[in-house]
Amino acid sequence: MEDVQIILSALWIALMLTYLLGDVLRIFSGDFKDGKLAGMKISPNMWLGIAILMVIPILMIILSLLLPYSLNKWTNIVVAIIFFVFNSIGLPNYPSTYDKFLILVGLGLNVLSVWFAWNWI
């Protein structure tokens, strides 16, 4: 049982590092415009919403190790599916090839999370 918990936690870590790599590349490539997202000025409340959204995978790293079996299994499945859908919807909006590649990597990590949680006995 602990092996699957560690795998799930590692998948969430990999997802967070993939998101971080995308952010770093976006800054260094010049695709990042200060205070804007997709060319649109973002309000403080929207930044808060983005921060909350990005904290969820960080919490999943910890929850994958701490939650009891049944709750852990279903939490990983549901959250990974939510992130898969969210990123799938946003995929066409990314202009850079590196962004699309990293989103596809993230989608693959989400699929692996669902697969490991679903097959967890």
Protein backbone atom coordinates (compact mmCIF):
# COMPACT_ATOMS: atom_id res chain seq x y z
CA MET A 1 0.00 0.00 0.00
CA GLU A 2 2.77 2.46 0.85
CA ASP A 3 4.37 1.91 -2.57
CA VAL A 4 1.32 3.32 -4.37
CA GLN A 5 1.18 6.25 -1.97
CA ILE A 6 4.81 7.08 -2.73
CA ILE A 7 4.24 6.71 -6.48
CA LEU A 8 1.20 8.99 -6.36
CA SER A 9 3.08 11.56 -4.30
CA ALA A 10 6.01 11.40 -6.76
CA LEU A 11 3.63 11.91 -9.69
CA TRP A 12 2.25 15.07 -8.05
CA ILE A 13 5.84 16.27 -7.43
CA ALA A 14 6.67 15.65 -11.10
CA LEU A 15 3.53 17.57 -12.13
CA MET A 16 4.50 20.54 -9.96
CA LEU A 17 8.03 20.54 -11.38
CA THR A 18 6.59 20.43 -14.90
CA TYR A 19 4.40 23.46 -14.12
CA LEU A 20 7.38 25.27 -12.60
CA LEU A 21 9.58 24.49 -15.60
CA GLY A 22 6.91 25.94 -17.88
CA ASP A 23 6.77 29.12 -15.80
CA VAL A 24 10.56 29.50 -15.81
CA LEU A 25 10.80 28.93 -19.57
CA ARG A 26 7.97 31.39 -20.14
CA ILE A 27 9.87 34.06 -18.19
CA PHE A 28 13.23 33.45 -19.89
CA SER A 29 11.75 33.17 -23.39
CA GLY A 30 10.04 36.55 -23.06
CA ASP A 31 6.56 35.05 -23.33
CA PHE A 32 5.71 36.33 -19.85
CA LYS A 33 4.31 39.84 -19.60
CA ASP A 34 4.45 41.34 -16.11
CA GLY A 35 1.01 41.45 -14.48
CA LYS A 36 -0.72 39.83 -17.46
CA LEU A 37 -1.89 36.37 -18.38
CA ALA A 38 -2.59 35.60 -22.04
CA GLY A 39 -2.25 39.33 -22.72
CA MET A 40 -5.01 40.17 -20.22
CA LYS A 41 -4.53 42.22 -17.05
CA ILE A 42 -5.25 40.00 -14.05
CA SER A 43 -6.95 41.29 -10.90
CA PRO A 44 -5.67 40.44 -7.41
CA ASN A 45 -8.67 38.13 -6.90
CA MET A 46 -7.83 36.25 -10.09
CA TRP A 47 -4.22 35.87 -8.91
CA LEU A 48 -5.60 34.46 -5.65
CA GLY A 49 -7.69 31.98 -7.64
CA ILE A 50 -4.62 30.93 -9.62
CA ALA A 51 -2.64 30.53 -6.40
CA ILE A 52 -5.37 28.34 -4.89
CA LEU A 53 -5.50 26.24 -8.05
CA MET A 54 -1.73 25.75 -8.02
CA VAL A 55 -1.67 24.84 -4.31
CA ILE A 56 -3.93 21.85 -4.96
CA PRO A 57 -1.19 19.67 -6.52
CA ILE A 58 1.14 20.68 -3.66
CA LEU A 59 -1.49 19.51 -1.17
CA MET A 60 -1.90 16.30 -3.16
CA ILE A 61 1.78 15.51 -2.57
CA ILE A 62 1.08 15.47 1.16
CA LEU A 63 -2.43 14.02 1.03
CA SER A 64 -1.23 11.08 -1.10
CA LEU A 65 0.97 10.09 1.82
CA LEU A 66 -1.45 10.81 4.66
CA LEU A 67 -5.02 10.02 3.62
CA PRO A 68 -6.51 6.61 4.42
CA TYR A 69 -6.73 4.15 1.50
CA SER A 70 -10.26 4.68 0.15
CA LEU A 71 -10.28 8.46 0.49
CA ASN A 72 -6.74 8.63 -0.90
CA LYS A 73 -7.64 6.54 -3.94
CA TRP A 74 -10.70 8.58 -4.88
CA THR A 75 -9.15 11.96 -4.09
CA ASN A 76 -6.25 11.19 -6.44
CA ILE A 77 -8.60 10.02 -9.18
CA VAL A 78 -10.95 13.00 -8.94
CA VAL A 79 -8.27 15.69 -8.63
CA ALA A 80 -6.15 14.22 -11.45
CA ILE A 81 -9.21 14.11 -13.73
CA ILE A 82 -10.08 17.72 -12.86
CA PHE A 83 -6.53 18.85 -13.71
CA PHE A 84 -6.57 16.75 -16.90
CA VAL A 85 -9.79 18.42 -18.07
CA PHE A 86 -8.64 21.90 -17.00
CA ASN A 87 -5.31 21.59 -18.85
CA SER A 88 -6.91 19.94 -21.89
CA ILE A 89 -9.25 22.91 -22.26
CA GLY A 90 -6.33 25.35 -21.95
CA LEU A 91 -3.93 23.47 -24.25
CA PRO A 92 -4.93 25.24 -27.50
CA ASN A 93 -4.42 28.64 -25.84
CA TYR A 94 -0.69 28.15 -25.29
CA PRO A 95 1.22 29.74 -28.18
CA SER A 96 4.61 28.13 -27.59
CA THR A 97 5.57 24.61 -28.60
CA TYR A 98 7.45 24.10 -25.31
CA ASP A 99 4.30 25.03 -23.36
CA LYS A 100 2.19 22.57 -25.32
CA PHE A 101 4.81 19.87 -24.82
CA LEU A 102 4.92 20.47 -21.06
CA ILE A 103 1.12 20.48 -20.84
CA LEU A 104 1.09 17.13 -22.67
CA VAL A 105 3.65 15.80 -20.17
CA GLY A 106 1.39 17.04 -17.36
CA LEU A 107 -1.61 15.33 -18.95
CA GLY A 108 0.40 12.10 -19.09
CA LEU A 109 1.24 12.46 -15.40
CA ASN A 110 -2.47 12.95 -14.67
CA VAL A 111 -3.29 9.79 -16.61
CA LEU A 112 -0.65 7.87 -14.65
CA SER A 113 -2.07 9.20 -11.38
CA VAL A 114 -5.55 7.98 -12.30
CA TRP A 115 -4.19 4.64 -13.49
CA PHE A 116 -2.16 3.97 -10.32
CA ALA A 117 -4.99 5.10 -8.03
CA TRP A 118 -7.62 3.13 -9.97
CA ASN A 119 -5.55 -0.07 -9.90
CA TRP A 120 -4.60 0.35 -6.23
CA ILE A 121 -5.75 -2.73 -4.33
